[in-house]
Amino acid sequence: MQTFSKKKAVTLAKAGDIGVPSARPARRKRKVVPGDAPSADFVEALARGLRVMRCFEPGVKSLGNLELAQLTGLPKSTISRIVYTLTNLGYLRYHTDTGRYSPGYGVLALGFGLLAGLEVRQLARPLMEDLAHATGGAVALGTFDGQAMTYVDAVHGSSALYLRLPVGHRLGPDSAMGRAYLAALTDAEREALLAGLDGDALQPEMIAQARTDIEQTGCCFAIGDWQQGINAVAAPFATFTGEGLFVMSCGGPANVLPEAYLRMEVAGMLREIVAKLSPAYAQAFSRAR
C-alpha cells in the first residue's frame, strides 16, 4: 500500500492548473520540512517565543516566569524579555494581582484565521456530524503540529461522553490518531519525526502494528491501550485540497464503542468518509484489499 504524503496532496490539488507566464522567473523557495535541523535561515528568537506560547496548553490558565523557564529550559532573563514582547503585542496578558501570564486575545486571530481557511475542515464537518450521530462517539479531525496531533475540529455524538476533547486539544503519538499519522509516513519521514519529538517515543511494536492495520484495513486502532476504557479508530488521508496530511478518528467509552463494533462497523463508516475527502486514500485502500 502506498503511503499518504503531503506531496501527494499537493499534486492532487494542483492537477489541471494552468501556468500563467510572469515577467520574471519566480524565486525558488526553500523547502521546509518539519523536524529538519535548523538552517541559517532559522530565527532562534522567534522559535523561543513560540516555545513559550506552546506552554499554554489546554487546561493551563496562567504561568509565571519561573514556570515558563522550567518548561522551556530558557534562562529567566530571556523569558522576561520574551513575555514582555508577547504582552506588548497582545499575545499574552499580564495579571498584576498574581504576576502571572495567560494567552492574550491576539492568539485568537491567529487560530481562527487558520481554522477559517481550512477547506478540509469545512468539507469534513457534515460528514463528521453524521458519523458522530450514527455511532454516539466523538469524531475528530486532526493533524501534526510539530510535536503532537492537534484537533482542528471535533463533534461529540452523545451528551453521555465523559471525554469531550475540544478543538486545539493535543494528543501524543500513542493515540489512535497519532498512530495513524505515523503509519501513513514513509520510513524516512517517520524516523525524522520521532527523532524530533520531546518525551518518550512510540514503541516499535506499536508502530509495526499500526502499519499492519493500515495496510489491511486502512485504519489504526487503540483498544483501551491509549486510555483505559476508551476505544478509538483513526484513518489518515492526504486531502485533495492540498492542505496536507490529516487524520480523522472516532472514539468513545468501550460500552459505547465495543471493539467488535468498532472494527466491523465504525471502521467501515470512517473509511467511506475519508474516501470522499481523499481519492488517493480510496485508491490505495482498494489496492490493499
C-alpha atoms as a PDB file:
ATOM      1  CA  MET A   1       0.000   0.000   0.000  1.00  0.00           C
ATOM      2  CA  GLN A   2       1.259   3.443  -0.836  1.00  0.00           C
ATOM      3  CA  THR A   3       1.765   5.897   1.963  1.00  0.00           C
ATOM      4  CA  PHE A   4      -0.210   9.097   2.175  1.00  0.00           C
ATOM      5  CA  SER A   5       2.237  12.014   1.963  1.00  0.00           C
ATOM      6  CA  LYS A   6       1.879  15.745   1.808  1.00  0.00           C
ATOM      7  CA  LYS A   7       3.469  15.660  -1.658  1.00  0.00           C
ATOM      8  CA  LYS A   8       0.584  13.563  -2.971  1.00  0.00           C
ATOM      9  CA  ALA A   9      -1.970  16.001  -1.601  1.00  0.00           C
ATOM     10  CA  VAL A  10      -0.250  18.925  -3.284  1.00  0.00           C
ATOM     11  CA  THR A  11      -0.032  17.006  -6.577  1.00  0.00           C
ATOM     12  CA  LEU A  12      -3.733  16.219  -6.475  1.00  0.00           C
ATOM     13  CA  ALA A  13      -4.650  19.795  -5.631  1.00  0.00           C
ATOM     14  CA  LYS A  14      -2.572  21.207  -8.490  1.00  0.00           C
ATOM     15  CA  ALA A  15      -3.723  18.740 -11.121  1.00  0.00           C
ATOM     16  CA  GLY A  16      -5.181  20.684 -14.016  1.00  0.00           C
ATOM     17  CA  ASP A  17      -3.700  24.044 -13.019  1.00  0.00           C
ATOM     18  CA  ILE A  18      -2.813  26.296 -15.944  1.00  0.00           C
ATOM     19  CA  GLY A  19       0.504  28.071 -15.695  1.00  0.00           C
ATOM     20  CA  VAL A  20       0.492  31.855 -16.237  1.00  0.00           C
ATOM     21  CA  PRO A  21       3.719  33.384 -17.567  1.00  0.00           C
ATOM     22  CA  SER A  22       5.258  36.007 -15.321  1.00  0.00           C
ATOM     23  CA  ALA A  23       7.528  38.905 -16.072  1.00  0.00           C
ATOM     24  CA  ARG A  24      10.459  37.156 -14.455  1.00  0.00           C
ATOM     25  CA  PRO A  25      11.151  33.673 -13.096  1.00  0.00           C
ATOM     26  CA  ALA A  26       9.794  33.132  -9.610  1.00  0.00           C
ATOM     27  CA  ARG A  27      12.377  32.783  -6.894  1.00  0.00           C
ATOM     28  CA  ARG A  28      12.689  29.200  -5.818  1.00  0.00           C
ATOM     29  CA  LYS A  29      11.563  28.923  -2.226  1.00  0.00           C
ATOM     30  CA  ARG A  30      13.419  26.852   0.316  1.00  0.00           C
ATOM     31  CA  LYS A  31      11.624  23.619   1.095  1.00  0.00           C
ATOM     32  CA  VAL A  32      10.804  23.491   4.798  1.00  0.00           C
ATOM     33  CA  VAL A  33      10.497  20.026   6.338  1.00  0.00           C
ATOM     34  CA  PRO A  34       9.356  19.841   9.992  1.00  0.00           C
ATOM     35  CA  GLY A  35      11.977  18.088  12.102  1.00  0.00           C
ATOM     36  CA  ASP A  36      14.901  19.039   9.879  1.00  0.00           C
ATOM     37  CA  ALA A  37      17.970  20.575  11.526  1.00  0.00           C
ATOM     38  CA  PRO A  38      17.729  24.396  11.624  1.00  0.00           C
ATOM     39  CA  SER A  39      19.494  26.217   8.780  1.00  0.00           C
ATOM     40  CA  ALA A  40      20.995  29.694   8.562  1.00  0.00           C
ATOM     41  CA  ASP A  41      17.504  30.997   7.827  1.00  0.00           C
ATOM     42  CA  PHE A  42      16.192  29.744  11.188  1.00  0.00           C
ATOM     43  CA  VAL A  43      15.263  32.610  13.546  1.00  0.00           C
ATOM     44  CA  GLU A  44      16.101  31.373  17.027  1.00  0.00           C
ATOM     45  CA  ALA A  45      14.484  34.322  18.831  1.00  0.00           C
ATOM     46  CA  LEU A  46      11.161  33.642  17.111  1.00  0.00           C
ATOM     47  CA  ALA A  47      11.431  29.936  17.917  1.00  0.00           C
ATOM     48  CA  ARG A  48      11.934  30.739  21.600  1.00  0.00           C
ATOM     49  CA  GLY A  49       8.879  32.968  21.640  1.00  0.00           C
ATOM     50  CA  LEU A  50       6.764  30.248  20.078  1.00  0.00           C
ATOM     51  CA  ARG A  51       8.179  27.750  22.574  1.00  0.00           C
ATOM     52  CA  VAL A  52       6.867  29.974  25.362  1.00  0.00           C
ATOM     53  CA  MET A  53       3.421  30.194  23.752  1.00  0.00           C
ATOM     54  CA  ARG A  54       3.241  26.396  23.471  1.00  0.00           C
ATOM     55  CA  CYS A  55       3.488  26.148  27.253  1.00  0.00           C
ATOM     56  CA  PHE A  56      -0.093  27.409  27.488  1.00  0.00           C
ATOM     57  CA  GLU A  57      -1.740  24.108  26.648  1.00  0.00           C
ATOM     58  CA  PRO A  58      -5.467  23.458  27.123  1.00  0.00           C
ATOM     59  CA  GLY A  59      -6.210  23.461  30.841  1.00  0.00           C
ATOM     60  CA  VAL A  60      -3.281  25.741  31.702  1.00  0.00           C
ATOM     61  CA  LYS A  61      -4.822  29.042  32.804  1.00  0.00           C
ATOM     62  CA  SER A  62      -1.711  31.006  33.708  1.00  0.00           C
ATOM     63  CA  LEU A  63       2.030  30.657  34.192  1.00  0.00           C
ATOM     64  CA  GLY A  64       4.736  32.674  35.896  1.00  0.00           C
ATOM     65  CA  ASN A  65       8.256  33.428  34.676  1.00  0.00           C
ATOM     66  CA  LEU A  66       9.808  30.688  36.796  1.00  0.00           C
ATOM     67  CA  GLU A  67       7.385  28.069  35.482  1.00  0.00           C
ATOM     68  CA  LEU A  68       7.999  29.185  31.900  1.00  0.00           C
ATOM     69  CA  ALA A  69      11.737  28.952  32.429  1.00  0.00           C
ATOM     70  CA  GLN A  70      11.384  25.430  33.807  1.00  0.00           C
ATOM     71  CA  LEU A  71       9.087  24.319  30.981  1.00  0.00           C
ATOM     72  CA  THR A  72      11.210  25.749  28.173  1.00  0.00           C
ATOM     73  CA  GLY A  73      14.694  25.378  29.630  1.00  0.00           C
ATOM     74  CA  LEU A  74      15.369  29.040  28.850  1.00  0.00           C
ATOM     75  CA  PRO A  75      17.082  31.469  31.296  1.00  0.00           C
ATOM     76  CA  LYS A  76      14.759  33.666  33.349  1.00  0.00           C
ATOM     77  CA  SER A  77      16.288  36.791  31.806  1.00  0.00           C
ATOM     78  CA  THR A  78      15.394  35.510  28.344  1.00  0.00           C
ATOM     79  CA  ILE A  79      11.887  34.602  29.499  1.00  0.00           C
ATOM     80  CA  SER A  80      11.411  38.123  30.877  1.00  0.00           C
ATOM     81  CA  ARG A  81      12.246  39.690  27.509  1.00  0.00           C
ATOM     82  CA  ILE A  82      10.082  37.249  25.594  1.00  0.00           C
ATOM     83  CA  VAL A  83       6.996  37.665  27.762  1.00  0.00           C
ATOM     84  CA  TYR A  84       7.409  41.452  27.701  1.00  0.00           C
ATOM     85  CA  THR A  85       7.422  41.382  23.894  1.00  0.00           C
ATOM     86  CA  LEU A  86       4.496  38.967  23.639  1.00  0.00           C
ATOM     87  CA  THR A  87       2.476  41.014  26.125  1.00  0.00           C
ATOM     88  CA  ASN A  88       3.239  44.216  24.249  1.00  0.00           C
ATOM     89  CA  LEU A  89       1.970  42.604  21.031  1.00  0.00           C
ATOM     90  CA  GLY A  90      -1.193  41.251  22.628  1.00  0.00           C
ATOM     91  CA  TYR A  91      -0.329  37.553  22.560  1.00  0.00           C
ATOM     92  CA  LEU A  92      -0.021  37.354  26.356  1.00  0.00           C
ATOM     93  CA  ARG A  93      -1.898  39.082  29.161  1.00  0.00           C
ATOM     94  CA  TYR A  94      -0.195  40.078  32.403  1.00  0.00           C
ATOM     95  CA  HIS A  95      -2.185  39.728  35.642  1.00  0.00           C
ATOM     96  CA  THR A  96      -0.988  42.353  38.098  1.00  0.00           C
ATOM     97  CA  ASP A  97      -2.625  40.637  41.080  1.00  0.00           C
ATOM     98  CA  THR A  98      -0.712  37.382  40.592  1.00  0.00           C
ATOM     99  CA  GLY A  99       2.288  38.372  38.492  1.00  0.00           C
ATOM    100  CA  ARG A 100       1.387  35.597  36.039  1.00  0.00           C
ATOM    101  CA  TYR A 101       0.628  35.456  32.327  1.00  0.00           C
ATOM    102  CA  SER A 102      -2.154  33.927  30.258  1.00  0.00           C
ATOM    103  CA  PRO A 103      -2.824  33.847  26.492  1.00  0.00           C
ATOM    104  CA  GLY A 104      -3.971  37.165  25.070  1.00  0.00           C
ATOM    105  CA  TYR A 105      -6.682  37.841  22.530  1.00  0.00           C
ATOM    106  CA  GLY A 106      -4.115  38.184  19.753  1.00  0.00           C
ATOM    107  CA  VAL A 107      -3.814  34.381  19.764  1.00  0.00           C
ATOM    108  CA  LEU A 108      -7.452  34.104  18.713  1.00  0.00           C
ATOM    109  CA  ALA A 109      -6.811  35.977  15.481  1.00  0.00           C
ATOM    110  CA  LEU A 110      -4.092  33.509  14.545  1.00  0.00           C
ATOM    111  CA  GLY A 111      -6.068  30.409  15.487  1.00  0.00           C
ATOM    112  CA  PHE A 112      -9.375  31.408  13.951  1.00  0.00           C
ATOM    113  CA  GLY A 113      -7.604  32.654  10.851  1.00  0.00           C
ATOM    114  CA  LEU A 114      -6.181  29.182  10.334  1.00  0.00           C
ATOM    115  CA  LEU A 115      -9.429  27.346  11.076  1.00  0.00           C
ATOM    116  CA  ALA A 116     -11.493  29.620   8.847  1.00  0.00           C
ATOM    117  CA  GLY A 117      -9.139  28.998   5.950  1.00  0.00           C
ATOM    118  CA  LEU A 118      -9.053  25.187   6.211  1.00  0.00           C
ATOM    119  CA  GLU A 119     -11.139  23.905   3.347  1.00  0.00           C
ATOM    120  CA  VAL A 120     -10.897  20.309   4.533  1.00  0.00           C
ATOM    121  CA  ARG A 121     -12.486  21.315   7.824  1.00  0.00           C
ATOM    122  CA  GLN A 122     -15.485  22.814   6.054  1.00  0.00           C
ATOM    123  CA  LEU A 123     -15.852  19.779   3.781  1.00  0.00           C
ATOM    124  CA  ALA A 124     -15.441  17.261   6.596  1.00  0.00           C
ATOM    125  CA  ARG A 125     -17.768  18.852   9.150  1.00  0.00           C
ATOM    126  CA  PRO A 126     -21.129  17.484   7.890  1.00  0.00           C
ATOM    127  CA  LEU A 127     -19.586  14.031   7.370  1.00  0.00           C
ATOM    128  CA  MET A 128     -18.192  14.095  10.898  1.00  0.00           C
ATOM    129  CA  GLU A 129     -21.586  15.047  12.291  1.00  0.00           C
ATOM    130  CA  ASP A 130     -23.225  12.116  10.513  1.00  0.00           C
ATOM    131  CA  LEU A 131     -20.638   9.687  11.900  1.00  0.00           C
ATOM    132  CA  ALA A 132     -20.916  11.075  15.431  1.00  0.00           C
ATOM    133  CA  HIS A 133     -24.710  10.797  15.417  1.00  0.00           C
ATOM    134  CA  ALA A 134     -24.617   7.280  13.934  1.00  0.00           C
ATOM    135  CA  THR A 135     -22.130   5.917  16.476  1.00  0.00           C
ATOM    136  CA  GLY A 136     -22.609   8.089  19.553  1.00  0.00           C
ATOM    137  CA  GLY A 137     -18.842   8.567  19.646  1.00  0.00           C
ATOM    138  CA  ALA A 138     -16.554  11.570  19.461  1.00  0.00           C
ATOM    139  CA  VAL A 139     -15.334  12.283  15.930  1.00  0.00           C
ATOM    140  CA  ALA A 140     -12.250  14.447  15.484  1.00  0.00           C
ATOM    141  CA  LEU A 141     -10.153  15.836  12.651  1.00  0.00           C
ATOM    142  CA  GLY A 142      -6.507  16.465  13.433  1.00  0.00           C
ATOM    143  CA  THR A 143      -3.028  16.962  12.081  1.00  0.00           C
ATOM    144  CA  PHE A 144       0.543  17.072  13.347  1.00  0.00           C
ATOM    145  CA  ASP A 145       1.659  20.445  14.748  1.00  0.00           C
ATOM    146  CA  GLY A 146       5.373  19.726  15.144  1.00  0.00           C
ATOM    147  CA  GLN A 147       5.190  17.941  18.494  1.00  0.00           C
ATOM    148  CA  ALA A 148       1.733  16.381  18.776  1.00  0.00           C
ATOM    149  CA  MET A 149      -1.508  15.675  16.991  1.00  0.00           C
ATOM    150  CA  THR A 150      -3.834  18.657  17.298  1.00  0.00           C
ATOM    151  CA  TYR A 151      -7.609  18.738  16.851  1.00  0.00           C
ATOM    152  CA  VAL A 152      -8.788  21.202  14.196  1.00  0.00           C
ATOM    153  CA  ASP A 153     -12.399  20.104  14.629  1.00  0.00           C
ATOM    154  CA  ALA A 154     -14.411  17.816  16.892  1.00  0.00           C
ATOM    155  CA  VAL A 155     -18.018  16.612  17.054  1.00  0.00           C
ATOM    156  CA  HIS A 156     -19.478  14.768  20.037  1.00  0.00           C
ATOM    157  CA  GLY A 157     -22.306  12.383  19.232  1.00  0.00           C
ATOM    158  CA  SER A 158     -23.626  11.897  22.740  1.00  0.00           C
ATOM    159  CA  SER A 159     -24.042  14.044  25.822  1.00  0.00           C
ATOM    160  CA  ALA A 160     -23.066  10.956  27.832  1.00  0.00           C
ATOM    161  CA  LEU A 161     -19.448  11.133  26.668  1.00  0.00           C
ATOM    162  CA  TYR A 162     -17.255  11.966  29.645  1.00  0.00           C
ATOM    163  CA  LEU A 163     -14.174  12.524  27.466  1.00  0.00           C
ATOM    164  CA  ARG A 164     -15.060  15.646  25.473  1.00  0.00           C
ATOM    165  CA  LEU A 165     -11.879  16.935  23.852  1.00  0.00           C
ATOM    166  CA  PRO A 166     -12.147  20.397  22.213  1.00  0.00           C
ATOM    167  CA  VAL A 167     -10.593  21.992  19.159  1.00  0.00           C
ATOM    168  CA  GLY A 168      -6.932  22.664  19.943  1.00  0.00           C
ATOM    169  CA  HIS A 169      -6.543  19.587  22.126  1.00  0.00           C
ATOM    170  CA  ARG A 170      -3.217  17.842  21.588  1.00  0.00           C
ATOM    171  CA  LEU A 171      -2.651  14.089  21.605  1.00  0.00           C
ATOM    172  CA  GLY A 172       0.528  12.043  21.804  1.00  0.00           C
ATOM    173  CA  PRO A 173       1.781   9.596  19.162  1.00  0.00           C
ATOM    174  CA  ASP A 174       0.339   6.670  21.144  1.00  0.00           C
ATOM    175  CA  SER A 175      -3.236   7.783  20.429  1.00  0.00           C
ATOM    176  CA  ALA A 176      -5.155   6.199  17.540  1.00  0.00           C
ATOM    177  CA  MET A 177      -4.792   9.492  15.680  1.00  0.00           C
ATOM    178  CA  GLY A 178      -1.045   9.615  16.319  1.00  0.00           C
ATOM    179  CA  ARG A 179      -0.520   6.015  15.242  1.00  0.00           C
ATOM    180  CA  ALA A 180      -2.461   6.577  12.025  1.00  0.00           C
ATOM    181  CA  TYR A 181      -0.408   9.656  11.181  1.00  0.00           C
ATOM    182  CA  LEU A 182       2.894   7.862  11.797  1.00  0.00           C
ATOM    183  CA  ALA A 183       1.796   4.792   9.832  1.00  0.00           C
ATOM    184  CA  ALA A 184       0.980   6.980   6.813  1.00  0.00           C
ATOM    185  CA  LEU A 185       4.512   8.408   6.596  1.00  0.00           C
ATOM    186  CA  THR A 186       7.460   6.970   4.724  1.00  0.00           C
ATOM    187  CA  ASP A 187      10.141   5.305   6.827  1.00  0.00           C
ATOM    188  CA  ALA A 188      12.434   8.323   6.477  1.00  0.00           C
ATOM    189  CA  GLU A 189       9.667  10.791   7.387  1.00  0.00           C
ATOM    190  CA  ARG A 190       8.666   8.712  10.405  1.00  0.00           C
ATOM    191  CA  GLU A 191      12.220   8.422  11.718  1.00  0.00           C
ATOM    192  CA  ALA A 192      12.801  12.172  11.352  1.00  0.00           C
ATOM    193  CA  LEU A 193       9.547  12.986  13.138  1.00  0.00           C
ATOM    194  CA  LEU A 194      10.179  10.608  16.041  1.00  0.00           C
ATOM    195  CA  ALA A 195      13.732  11.897  16.444  1.00  0.00           C
ATOM    196  CA  GLY A 196      12.412  15.429  16.910  1.00  0.00           C
ATOM    197  CA  LEU A 197       9.745  14.591  19.476  1.00  0.00           C
ATOM    198  CA  ASP A 198      10.096  15.605  23.117  1.00  0.00           C
ATOM    199  CA  GLY A 199       9.477  12.861  25.645  1.00  0.00           C
ATOM    200  CA  ASP A 200       9.127   9.124  25.139  1.00  0.00           C
ATOM    201  CA  ALA A 201       8.921   7.786  21.599  1.00  0.00           C
ATOM    202  CA  LEU A 202       6.296   5.291  20.497  1.00  0.00           C
ATOM    203  CA  GLN A 203       7.270   1.656  20.998  1.00  0.00           C
ATOM    204  CA  PRO A 204       8.471  -0.057  17.768  1.00  0.00           C
ATOM    205  CA  GLU A 205       5.941  -2.871  18.131  1.00  0.00           C
ATOM    206  CA  MET A 206       3.092  -0.371  18.325  1.00  0.00           C
ATOM    207  CA  ILE A 207       4.301   1.330  15.133  1.00  0.00           C
ATOM    208  CA  ALA A 208       4.607  -2.062  13.416  1.00  0.00           C
ATOM    209  CA  GLN A 209       1.044  -2.948  14.415  1.00  0.00           C
ATOM    210  CA  ALA A 210      -0.210   0.428  13.195  1.00  0.00           C
ATOM    211  CA  ARG A 211       1.400  -0.101   9.790  1.00  0.00           C
ATOM    212  CA  THR A 212      -0.109  -3.582   9.554  1.00  0.00           C
ATOM    213  CA  ASP A 213      -3.544  -2.225  10.459  1.00  0.00           C
ATOM    214  CA  ILE A 214      -3.258   0.487   7.801  1.00  0.00           C
ATOM    215  CA  GLU A 215      -2.228  -1.998   5.117  1.00  0.00           C
ATOM    216  CA  GLN A 216      -5.038  -4.407   5.969  1.00  0.00           C
ATOM    217  CA  THR A 217      -7.895  -2.090   6.913  1.00  0.00           C
ATOM    218  CA  GLY A 218      -6.935   1.500   6.040  1.00  0.00           C
ATOM    219  CA  CYS A 219      -7.301   2.378   9.740  1.00  0.00           C
ATOM    220  CA  CYS A 220      -5.454   2.222  13.061  1.00  0.00           C
ATOM    221  CA  PHE A 221      -6.978   1.135  16.363  1.00  0.00           C
ATOM    222  CA  ALA A 222      -6.456   1.938  20.036  1.00  0.00           C
ATOM    223  CA  ILE A 223      -8.367  -0.562  22.149  1.00  0.00           C
ATOM    224  CA  GLY A 224      -8.069   0.573  25.737  1.00  0.00           C
ATOM    225  CA  ASP A 225      -4.297   0.992  25.495  1.00  0.00           C
ATOM    226  CA  TRP A 226      -4.200   4.764  24.940  1.00  0.00           C
ATOM    227  CA  GLN A 227      -6.558   5.491  27.815  1.00  0.00           C
ATOM    228  CA  GLN A 228      -8.181   2.803  29.901  1.00  0.00           C
ATOM    229  CA  GLY A 229     -11.786   2.148  28.932  1.00  0.00           C
ATOM    230  CA  ILE A 230     -11.543   4.169  25.698  1.00  0.00           C
ATOM    231  CA  ASN A 231     -11.617   2.612  22.225  1.00  0.00           C
ATOM    232  CA  ALA A 232     -10.858   4.505  19.030  1.00  0.00           C
ATOM    233  CA  VAL A 233     -10.282   4.051  15.310  1.00  0.00           C
ATOM    234  CA  ALA A 234      -8.488   6.525  13.036  1.00  0.00           C
ATOM    235  CA  ALA A 235      -7.741   6.875   9.326  1.00  0.00           C
ATOM    236  CA  PRO A 236      -5.070   9.088   7.695  1.00  0.00           C
ATOM    237  CA  PHE A 237      -5.606  10.873   4.399  1.00  0.00           C
ATOM    238  CA  ALA A 238      -3.967  13.440   2.139  1.00  0.00           C
ATOM    239  CA  THR A 239      -6.601  15.984   1.141  1.00  0.00           C
ATOM    240  CA  PHE A 240      -7.433  16.807  -2.450  1.00  0.00           C
ATOM    241  CA  THR A 241      -7.420  20.457  -1.326  1.00  0.00           C
ATOM    242  CA  GLY A 242      -3.639  20.267  -0.999  1.00  0.00           C
ATOM    243  CA  GLU A 243      -3.662  21.195   2.689  1.00  0.00           C
ATOM    244  CA  GLY A 244      -1.562  18.252   3.791  1.00  0.00           C
ATOM    245  CA  LEU A 245      -1.900  15.050   5.774  1.00  0.00           C
ATOM    246  CA  PHE A 246      -4.813  14.783   8.214  1.00  0.00           C
ATOM    247  CA  VAL A 247      -6.333  12.079  10.385  1.00  0.00           C
ATOM    248  CA  MET A 248      -9.989  11.517  11.247  1.00  0.00           C
ATOM    249  CA  SER A 249     -10.839   9.480  14.318  1.00  0.00           C
ATOM    250  CA  CYS A 250     -13.893   8.140  16.101  1.00  0.00           C
ATOM    251  CA  GLY A 251     -13.651   7.122  19.735  1.00  0.00           C
ATOM    252  CA  GLY A 252     -15.513   6.748  22.984  1.00  0.00           C
ATOM    253  CA  PRO A 253     -16.086   4.563  26.036  1.00  0.00           C
ATOM    254  CA  ALA A 254     -15.840   0.827  25.459  1.00  0.00           C
ATOM    255  CA  ASN A 255     -19.519   0.392  26.375  1.00  0.00           C
ATOM    256  CA  VAL A 256     -20.468   2.813  23.568  1.00  0.00           C
ATOM    257  CA  LEU A 257     -17.875   1.588  21.047  1.00  0.00           C
ATOM    258  CA  PRO A 258     -17.003  -2.038  21.910  1.00  0.00           C
ATOM    259  CA  GLU A 259     -14.072  -3.483  19.974  1.00  0.00           C
ATOM    260  CA  ALA A 260     -16.123  -5.723  17.676  1.00  0.00           C
ATOM    261  CA  TYR A 261     -18.453  -2.875  16.691  1.00  0.00           C
ATOM    262  CA  LEU A 262     -15.512  -0.510  16.215  1.00  0.00           C
ATOM    263  CA  ARG A 263     -13.652  -2.897  13.902  1.00  0.00           C
ATOM    264  CA  MET A 264     -16.601  -4.309  11.967  1.00  0.00           C
ATOM    265  CA  GLU A 265     -18.897  -1.291  11.618  1.00  0.00           C
ATOM    266  CA  VAL A 266     -17.328   2.024  12.638  1.00  0.00           C
ATOM    267  CA  ALA A 267     -14.088   1.452  10.723  1.00  0.00           C
ATOM    268  CA  GLY A 268     -16.103   0.884   7.550  1.00  0.00           C
ATOM    269  CA  MET A 269     -18.082   4.093   8.028  1.00  0.00           C
ATOM    270  CA  LEU A 270     -14.853   6.001   8.678  1.00  0.00           C
ATOM    271  CA  ARG A 271     -13.255   4.596   5.514  1.00  0.00           C
ATOM    272  CA  GLU A 272     -16.216   5.741   3.417  1.00  0.00           C
ATOM    273  CA  ILE A 273     -15.973   9.278   4.798  1.00  0.00           C
ATOM    274  CA  VAL A 274     -12.216   9.564   4.304  1.00  0.00           C
ATOM    275  CA  ALA A 275     -12.507   8.214   0.756  1.00  0.00           C
ATOM    276  CA  LYS A 276     -14.813  11.141  -0.065  1.00  0.00           C
ATOM    277  CA  LEU A 277     -12.185  13.583   1.173  1.00  0.00           C
ATOM    278  CA  SER A 278      -9.215  11.875  -0.443  1.00  0.00           C
ATOM    279  CA  PRO A 279      -9.308   9.968  -3.764  1.00  0.00           C
ATOM    280  CA  ALA A 280      -5.723   8.884  -3.035  1.00  0.00           C
ATOM    281  CA  TYR A 281      -6.915   7.108   0.124  1.00  0.00           C
ATOM    282  CA  ALA A 282      -9.720   5.368  -1.763  1.00  0.00           C
ATOM    283  CA  GLN A 283      -7.356   4.120  -4.483  1.00  0.00           C
ATOM    284  CA  ALA A 284      -4.656   2.971  -2.062  1.00  0.00           C
ATOM    285  CA  PHE A 285      -7.104   1.122   0.180  1.00  0.00           C
ATOM    286  CA  SER A 286      -8.821  -0.569  -2.782  1.00  0.00           C
ATOM    287  CA  ARG A 287      -5.422  -1.873  -3.919  1.00  0.00           C
ATOM    288  CA  ALA A 288      -4.612  -3.079  -0.401  1.00  0.00           C
ATOM    289  CA  ARG A 289      -7.826  -5.064  -0.261  1.00  0.00           C
END
